[in-house]
Amino acid sequence: MPFTMERTEATFPVRTPVPADPTPLYTRRVSVVAEPRDSELEPCPVCGTGQRLEPRFAIEGMAARIAVCRACGVGRLHPMPSEGEIRAFYPDPYYGEPGRKFWPTVEALVRLVGSRHVRFLSRGLPAGARILDVGCGRGVHLRALADRGFEVHGFEMSESAVRGVDPRAKLAIAPDLRDVGYPEASFEQVILWHVLEHLRDPAGTIAEIRRILRPGGRLVVAVPNFGSLQARWAGPAWFHLDPPRHLHHFPVSALEALVEAADFRVLSRHHFSLRQNPFGWVQSALNRRVDLPPNALYALLQRGPLPEAVSLDAATRRRLLLFYLLGMPVGLALSVGAALLRSGATVHLVCRAGRD
């Protein structure tokens, strides 16, 4: 499959403007920075050092770069957007209609995988345990956990995100988890499922989760694996980069360092996700093609009309769907292999509060 990686001169501007044009963020092409020049910046949110930052990827139509800490390997959007700018990255269509974000078949598969995944999330918890899902979104986890008899709580930063959430869930809406004011030692488990990479202050959120977890409570945290085989192979075409919404990019070692610094002990590491990893291979392969809009298949699988930036004729749509059907088994096989090598495209850690 032919591909090319565009290269862009590196600069470090003063700030990241909100995109002025209506182009959906996930359709913006990412390119490799040419002749990167390091820049000093504030301490890294993970290792806390003042090491120089290496700009690696540029984002079409934006001044910011994805840059990497030379000390710990964490990537970050630089300069970091303001809270107001970040809110603009999440318009209402981002969340989709309740239960209707994707085609019915795809939506059903998403919910089936989510329900089965809850077996893993609830393993070993006492009956009626209090569980908090940080960044609960449409509540896929909350509904399945409530069905199992747990007391479910959800936190979100946007009311639009929680439309259609199961009414059994107790919801909190606030700009930051620390603003909710949950009492200390409130929960047996906190889920942070593909949310940490969206946050301006990941260390602060992990510290707050440690405060509100009961002694011996569990944190389950999942992120895209910035050091994975898939990420290294795809480079700027990696589907899970999702700039600029993903403000941070974690290799496994940095994620472990972050939770351990907050007094968590890592119990297990998991490198396979049926929902995330196979599709990541398929869409990343398509993103390497310059004759297709970025993330065109992802846009096609969602309900509603395609955005103007993803203009696809009928023949191209058929080819994309055929690639999807044929590519998913290949992506599944690659995902299993990467997981066996401990280099899955996404990783989730199960952690216990306290070191004992």
Protein backbone atom coordinates (compact mmCIF):
# COMPACT_ATOMS: atom_id res chain seq x y z
CA MET A 1 0.00 0.00 0.00
CA PRO A 2 1.66 3.28 -1.08
CA PHE A 3 2.08 5.98 1.49
CA THR A 4 4.06 9.08 2.25
CA MET A 5 4.88 10.96 5.42
CA GLU A 6 4.78 14.72 4.99
CA ARG A 7 7.37 16.68 6.91
CA THR A 8 6.91 20.09 8.48
CA GLU A 9 9.43 22.52 9.93
CA ALA A 10 9.38 22.59 13.73
CA THR A 11 8.38 25.70 15.62
CA PHE A 12 7.16 26.27 19.16
CA PRO A 13 4.58 29.05 19.07
CA VAL A 14 3.25 30.86 22.09
CA ARG A 15 -0.16 29.15 22.26
CA THR A 16 -2.54 26.73 20.58
CA PRO A 17 -5.46 28.53 18.93
CA VAL A 18 -8.89 26.97 18.69
CA PRO A 19 -9.28 25.86 15.05
CA ALA A 20 -11.05 28.61 13.12
CA ASP A 21 -12.42 26.38 10.36
CA PRO A 22 -15.11 23.72 10.84
CA THR A 23 -12.92 20.79 9.76
CA PRO A 24 -13.50 17.94 12.22
CA LEU A 25 -10.39 17.41 14.32
CA TYR A 26 -10.07 13.72 13.52
CA THR A 27 -9.85 14.50 9.79
CA ARG A 28 -6.73 16.66 10.19
CA ARG A 29 -3.59 15.09 8.77
CA VAL A 30 -0.61 14.59 11.06
CA SER A 31 2.94 14.84 9.72
CA VAL A 32 6.49 14.25 10.93
CA VAL A 33 8.36 17.36 12.04
CA ALA A 34 11.48 17.97 9.98
CA GLU A 35 14.71 19.14 11.64
CA PRO A 36 13.19 19.33 15.13
CA ARG A 37 14.67 21.95 17.44
CA ASP A 38 14.39 21.23 21.15
CA SER A 39 12.73 23.73 23.42
CA GLU A 40 12.73 24.30 27.17
CA LEU A 41 9.36 23.95 28.90
CA GLU A 42 7.76 23.57 32.30
CA PRO A 43 8.42 20.33 34.20
CA CYS A 44 7.09 17.12 32.66
CA PRO A 45 3.76 16.04 34.25
CA VAL A 46 5.10 12.51 34.76
CA CYS A 47 8.81 12.62 35.57
CA GLY A 48 8.87 16.22 36.79
CA THR A 49 12.16 17.01 35.09
CA GLY A 50 12.93 20.08 33.06
CA GLN A 51 14.38 18.07 30.20
CA ARG A 52 14.19 19.50 26.74
CA LEU A 53 11.19 18.59 24.60
CA GLU A 54 11.59 17.02 21.18
CA PRO A 55 8.87 18.07 18.69
CA ARG A 56 7.81 14.98 16.75
CA PHE A 57 4.48 15.50 14.96
CA ALA A 58 2.71 18.51 13.45
CA ILE A 59 -1.08 18.82 13.14
CA GLU A 60 -2.69 20.21 10.00
CA GLY A 61 -4.13 23.67 10.56
CA MET A 62 -2.76 24.02 14.10
CA ALA A 63 0.30 25.71 15.53
CA ALA A 64 0.83 23.17 18.33
CA ARG A 65 3.09 20.14 18.02
CA ILE A 66 3.09 16.72 19.62
CA ALA A 67 6.42 16.74 21.44
CA VAL A 68 8.16 14.14 23.57
CA CYS A 69 9.95 14.43 26.91
CA ARG A 70 13.50 13.19 26.43
CA ALA A 71 13.62 11.89 30.01
CA CYS A 72 10.54 9.62 30.23
CA GLY A 73 9.15 9.42 26.68
CA VAL A 74 5.76 10.99 27.43
CA GLY A 75 4.33 12.89 24.48
CA ARG A 76 2.29 16.02 24.99
CA LEU A 77 0.57 18.73 23.02
CA HIS A 78 2.79 21.80 23.19
CA PRO A 79 1.91 24.52 23.92
CA MET A 80 -0.84 23.11 26.15
CA PRO A 81 -4.29 24.54 25.28
CA SER A 82 -6.33 26.46 27.83
CA GLU A 83 -9.38 24.87 29.44
CA GLY A 84 -11.64 26.92 27.19
CA GLU A 85 -9.80 25.81 24.10
CA ILE A 86 -10.03 22.18 25.17
CA ARG A 87 -13.80 22.47 25.62
CA ALA A 88 -14.03 23.64 22.01
CA PHE A 89 -12.49 20.32 20.92
CA TYR A 90 -15.66 18.52 22.09
CA PRO A 91 -18.73 19.81 20.24
CA ASP A 92 -22.01 17.98 20.82
CA PRO A 93 -21.68 15.76 17.69
CA TYR A 94 -18.49 14.28 19.20
CA TYR A 95 -20.59 12.32 21.71
CA GLY A 96 -23.27 11.15 19.29
CA GLU A 97 -26.90 10.49 20.06
CA PRO A 98 -27.59 8.20 23.03
CA GLY A 99 -26.94 4.69 21.76
CA ARG A 100 -26.66 5.97 18.20
CA LYS A 101 -23.09 7.12 17.58
CA PHE A 102 -22.25 4.33 15.10
CA TRP A 103 -24.14 2.20 12.62
CA PRO A 104 -26.56 -0.14 14.45
CA THR A 105 -24.38 -3.23 13.91
CA VAL A 106 -21.23 -1.44 15.07
CA GLU A 107 -23.07 0.13 18.01
CA ALA A 108 -24.37 -3.27 19.07
CA LEU A 109 -20.84 -4.72 18.92
CA VAL A 110 -19.47 -1.82 20.97
CA ARG A 111 -22.05 -2.43 23.69
CA LEU A 112 -21.56 -6.20 23.56
CA VAL A 113 -17.81 -5.82 24.02
CA GLY A 114 -18.44 -3.27 26.78
CA SER A 115 -20.77 -5.62 28.61
CA ARG A 116 -18.36 -8.53 28.39
CA HIS A 117 -15.54 -6.26 29.50
CA VAL A 118 -17.43 -5.51 32.69
CA ARG A 119 -16.80 -9.09 33.83
CA PHE A 120 -13.15 -8.17 34.00
CA LEU A 121 -13.79 -4.81 35.66
CA SER A 122 -15.97 -6.32 38.39
CA ARG A 123 -13.87 -9.40 39.15
CA GLY A 124 -13.22 -9.76 42.89
CA LEU A 125 -15.36 -6.80 43.98
CA PRO A 126 -17.75 -7.29 46.92
CA ALA A 127 -21.48 -7.27 46.25
CA GLY A 128 -22.88 -3.76 46.04
CA ALA A 129 -19.44 -2.14 45.80
CA ARG A 130 -19.32 1.57 44.96
CA ILE A 131 -17.68 2.16 41.58
CA LEU A 132 -16.82 5.49 39.97
CA ASP A 133 -16.30 5.75 36.21
CA VAL A 134 -14.27 8.91 35.52
CA GLY A 135 -15.10 10.16 32.04
CA CYS A 136 -18.08 7.84 31.85
CA GLY A 137 -19.36 9.23 28.54
CA ARG A 138 -22.48 7.45 27.29
CA GLY A 139 -22.34 5.06 30.22
CA VAL A 140 -21.52 1.76 28.50
CA HIS A 141 -19.71 0.57 31.63
CA LEU A 142 -22.23 2.04 34.08
CA ARG A 143 -25.25 0.20 32.68
CA ALA A 144 -23.52 -3.17 32.68
CA LEU A 145 -22.13 -2.64 36.20
CA ALA A 146 -25.54 -1.59 37.51
CA ASP A 147 -27.00 -4.76 36.01
CA ARG A 148 -24.57 -6.68 38.21
CA GLY A 149 -25.83 -4.98 41.34
CA PHE A 150 -23.06 -2.45 41.94
CA GLU A 151 -23.63 1.13 43.09
CA VAL A 152 -22.45 3.08 40.07
CA HIS A 153 -21.27 6.68 39.91
CA GLY A 154 -20.15 8.59 36.86
CA PHE A 155 -18.12 11.76 36.40
CA GLU A 156 -18.03 13.90 33.27
CA MET A 157 -16.99 17.40 32.34
CA SER A 158 -19.87 17.91 29.88
CA GLU A 159 -23.62 17.42 30.22
CA SER A 160 -23.75 16.58 26.52
CA ALA A 161 -21.54 13.57 27.13
CA VAL A 162 -23.93 11.85 29.53
CA ARG A 163 -27.16 12.03 27.55
CA GLY A 164 -28.84 8.67 27.73
CA VAL A 165 -26.82 7.37 30.69
CA ASP A 166 -28.63 4.71 32.73
CA PRO A 167 -30.80 6.47 35.36
CA ARG A 168 -29.43 4.15 38.07
CA ALA A 169 -26.07 5.95 37.83
CA LYS A 170 -25.34 8.85 40.16
CA LEU A 171 -23.71 11.51 38.00
CA ALA A 172 -21.46 14.47 38.76
CA ILE A 173 -20.68 17.17 36.16
CA ALA A 174 -17.76 19.49 36.85
CA PRO A 175 -14.73 20.97 35.07
CA ASP A 176 -12.35 18.79 37.11
CA LEU A 177 -12.69 15.69 39.27
CA ARG A 178 -11.33 17.61 42.25
CA ASP A 179 -14.21 20.10 41.95
CA VAL A 180 -16.79 17.43 42.81
CA GLY A 181 -15.61 17.08 46.40
CA TYR A 182 -16.16 13.37 46.83
CA PRO A 183 -15.49 12.36 50.45
CA GLU A 184 -12.22 10.63 51.20
CA ALA A 185 -12.23 6.83 50.80
CA SER A 186 -15.59 6.80 49.00
CA PHE A 187 -15.13 4.03 46.43
CA GLU A 188 -13.97 0.43 46.14
CA GLN A 189 -12.99 0.96 42.51
CA VAL A 190 -12.36 3.82 40.11
CA ILE A 191 -12.30 3.29 36.33
CA LEU A 192 -10.28 5.67 34.16
CA TRP A 193 -10.87 4.17 30.74
CA HIS A 194 -9.20 6.09 27.89
CA VAL A 195 -9.63 9.39 29.70
CA LEU A 196 -6.20 10.18 31.17
CA GLU A 197 -4.77 11.15 27.76
CA HIS A 198 -7.47 13.86 27.44
CA LEU A 199 -6.58 15.65 30.69
CA ARG A 200 -4.42 18.73 31.24
CA ASP A 201 -3.26 17.49 34.64
CA PRO A 202 -3.03 13.69 34.65
CA ALA A 203 -0.95 13.58 37.84
CA GLY A 204 -3.48 15.69 39.73
CA THR A 205 -6.34 13.43 38.64
CA ILE A 206 -4.48 10.28 39.71
CA ALA A 207 -3.75 11.87 43.10
CA GLU A 208 -7.42 12.75 43.58
CA ILE A 209 -8.44 9.18 42.68
CA ARG A 210 -6.04 7.90 45.31
CA ARG A 211 -7.70 10.17 47.89
CA ILE A 212 -11.25 9.00 47.16
CA LEU A 213 -10.40 5.29 46.95
CA ARG A 214 -10.76 3.20 50.08
CA PRO A 215 -7.60 1.51 51.42
CA GLY A 216 -6.90 -1.45 49.17
CA GLY A 217 -9.30 -0.12 46.54
CA ARG A 218 -8.59 -0.60 42.85
CA LEU A 219 -7.85 1.74 40.00
CA VAL A 220 -8.26 0.45 36.46
CA VAL A 221 -6.62 2.86 34.01
CA ALA A 222 -6.40 2.44 30.23
CA VAL A 223 -4.56 4.57 27.65
CA PRO A 224 -3.23 4.22 24.11
CA ASN A 225 0.29 2.81 24.31
CA PHE A 226 2.62 5.43 22.81
CA GLY A 227 5.48 2.93 22.80
CA SER A 228 3.53 0.11 21.13
CA LEU A 229 4.35 -1.74 17.92
CA GLN A 230 1.29 -0.19 16.30
CA ALA A 231 2.31 3.35 17.30
CA ARG A 232 5.88 2.89 16.06
CA TRP A 233 4.76 1.31 12.79
CA ALA A 234 2.09 3.91 12.00
CA GLY A 235 3.99 7.03 13.14
CA PRO A 236 1.94 10.14 12.32
CA ALA A 237 -0.78 7.93 10.79
CA TRP A 238 -1.54 6.23 14.13
CA PHE A 239 -5.28 6.28 14.72
CA HIS A 240 -4.92 6.58 18.50
CA LEU A 241 -2.93 9.84 18.35
CA ASP A 242 -6.27 11.69 18.00
CA PRO A 243 -4.78 15.19 18.17
CA PRO A 244 -5.46 17.65 19.64
CA ARG A 245 -7.94 15.93 21.97
CA HIS A 246 -5.24 13.61 23.28
CA LEU A 247 -3.15 16.05 25.28
CA HIS A 248 -0.74 13.39 26.59
CA HIS A 249 0.67 10.18 25.13
CA PHE A 250 1.93 7.53 27.54
CA PRO A 251 4.36 4.66 27.04
CA VAL A 252 3.72 1.90 29.57
CA SER A 253 6.76 2.74 31.69
CA ALA A 254 5.64 6.34 32.12
CA LEU A 255 2.08 5.33 32.99
CA GLU A 256 3.39 2.99 35.69
CA ALA A 257 5.65 5.71 37.06
CA LEU A 258 2.69 8.08 37.24
CA VAL A 259 0.46 5.76 39.26
CA GLU A 260 3.28 4.54 41.51
CA ALA A 261 4.14 8.13 42.40
CA ALA A 262 0.57 8.49 43.71
CA ASP A 263 0.95 5.48 46.06
CA PHE A 264 -0.54 2.80 43.82
CA ARG A 265 0.87 -0.67 43.31
CA VAL A 266 0.49 -2.14 39.82
CA LEU A 267 -1.12 -5.58 40.10
CA SER A 268 -1.36 -6.48 36.42
CA ARG A 269 -0.82 -5.15 32.90
CA HIS A 270 -3.06 -5.99 29.94
CA HIS A 271 -2.08 -5.36 26.33
CA PHE A 272 -5.17 -6.56 24.46
CA SER A 273 -8.41 -4.72 23.72
CA LEU A 274 -10.89 -6.20 21.25
CA ARG A 275 -12.66 -2.88 20.99
CA GLN A 276 -9.58 -0.69 20.39
CA ASN A 277 -6.62 -2.57 18.99
CA PRO A 278 -7.76 -4.40 15.80
CA PHE A 279 -9.54 -1.33 14.44
CA GLY A 280 -6.43 0.72 15.25
CA TRP A 281 -4.41 -1.42 12.82
CA VAL A 282 -7.05 -1.08 10.09
CA GLN A 283 -7.56 2.68 10.34
CA SER A 284 -3.85 3.39 10.81
CA ALA A 285 -3.09 1.44 7.63
CA LEU A 286 -5.66 3.52 5.75
CA ASN A 287 -4.25 6.72 7.26
CA ARG A 288 -0.90 5.95 5.63
CA ARG A 289 -2.55 6.46 2.25
CA VAL A 290 -2.41 10.02 0.94
CA ASP A 291 -5.34 9.48 -1.43
CA LEU A 292 -7.81 9.14 1.47
CA PRO A 293 -8.87 11.66 4.12
CA PRO A 294 -7.50 10.80 7.57
CA ASN A 295 -9.77 8.53 9.61
CA ALA A 296 -12.22 8.21 6.71
CA LEU A 297 -13.38 4.74 7.74
CA TYR A 298 -14.03 5.88 11.32
CA ALA A 299 -16.15 8.75 9.96
CA LEU A 300 -18.00 6.41 7.60
CA LEU A 301 -18.99 4.02 10.42
CA GLN A 302 -20.68 6.81 12.37
CA ARG A 303 -24.31 7.72 11.92
CA GLY A 304 -25.34 10.87 10.12
CA PRO A 305 -23.93 12.62 7.07
CA LEU A 306 -20.20 12.67 6.46
CA PRO A 307 -18.42 15.96 7.20
CA GLU A 308 -17.35 18.01 4.19
CA ALA A 309 -13.71 17.18 4.90
CA VAL A 310 -14.49 13.49 4.27
CA SER A 311 -15.80 13.54 0.72
CA LEU A 312 -16.14 9.94 -0.46
CA ASP A 313 -17.74 8.70 -3.66
CA ALA A 314 -19.76 5.48 -3.68
CA ALA A 315 -16.88 3.39 -5.01
CA THR A 316 -14.50 4.62 -2.30
CA ARG A 317 -17.08 3.88 0.38
CA ARG A 318 -17.42 0.33 -0.89
CA ARG A 319 -13.64 -0.11 -0.90
CA LEU A 320 -13.37 1.20 2.65
CA LEU A 321 -16.06 -1.17 3.90
CA LEU A 322 -14.42 -4.09 2.10
CA PHE A 323 -11.07 -3.16 3.65
CA TYR A 324 -12.80 -3.04 7.02
CA LEU A 325 -14.33 -6.50 6.63
CA LEU A 326 -11.13 -8.07 5.33
CA GLY A 327 -8.77 -6.07 7.51
CA MET A 328 -10.35 -6.68 10.91
CA PRO A 329 -9.31 -10.37 11.05
CA VAL A 330 -5.76 -9.31 10.15
CA GLY A 331 -5.89 -6.56 12.75
CA LEU A 332 -7.12 -9.07 15.32
CA ALA A 333 -4.21 -11.41 14.58
CA LEU A 334 -1.72 -8.54 14.79
CA SER A 335 -3.27 -7.40 18.06
CA VAL A 336 -2.94 -10.86 19.59
CA GLY A 337 0.71 -11.01 18.49
CA ALA A 338 1.45 -7.56 19.87
CA ALA A 339 -0.21 -8.46 23.17
CA LEU A 340 1.95 -11.59 23.46
CA LEU A 341 4.98 -9.34 22.94
CA ARG A 342 3.66 -6.99 25.67
CA SER A 343 3.36 -4.18 23.14
CA GLY A 344 -0.37 -3.76 22.56
CA ALA A 345 -1.71 -0.63 20.90
CA THR A 346 -3.56 0.12 24.12
CA VAL A 347 -2.71 -0.92 27.65
CA HIS A 348 -4.67 -1.04 30.87
CA LEU A 349 -3.29 -1.40 34.35
CA VAL A 350 -5.04 -2.77 37.42
CA CYS A 351 -3.65 -0.98 40.46
CA ARG A 352 -4.22 -1.18 44.21
CA ALA A 353 -4.28 1.83 46.49
CA GLY A 354 -1.30 1.55 48.85
CA ARG A 355 1.87 -0.47 48.55
CA ASP A 356 1.03 -3.22 51.09
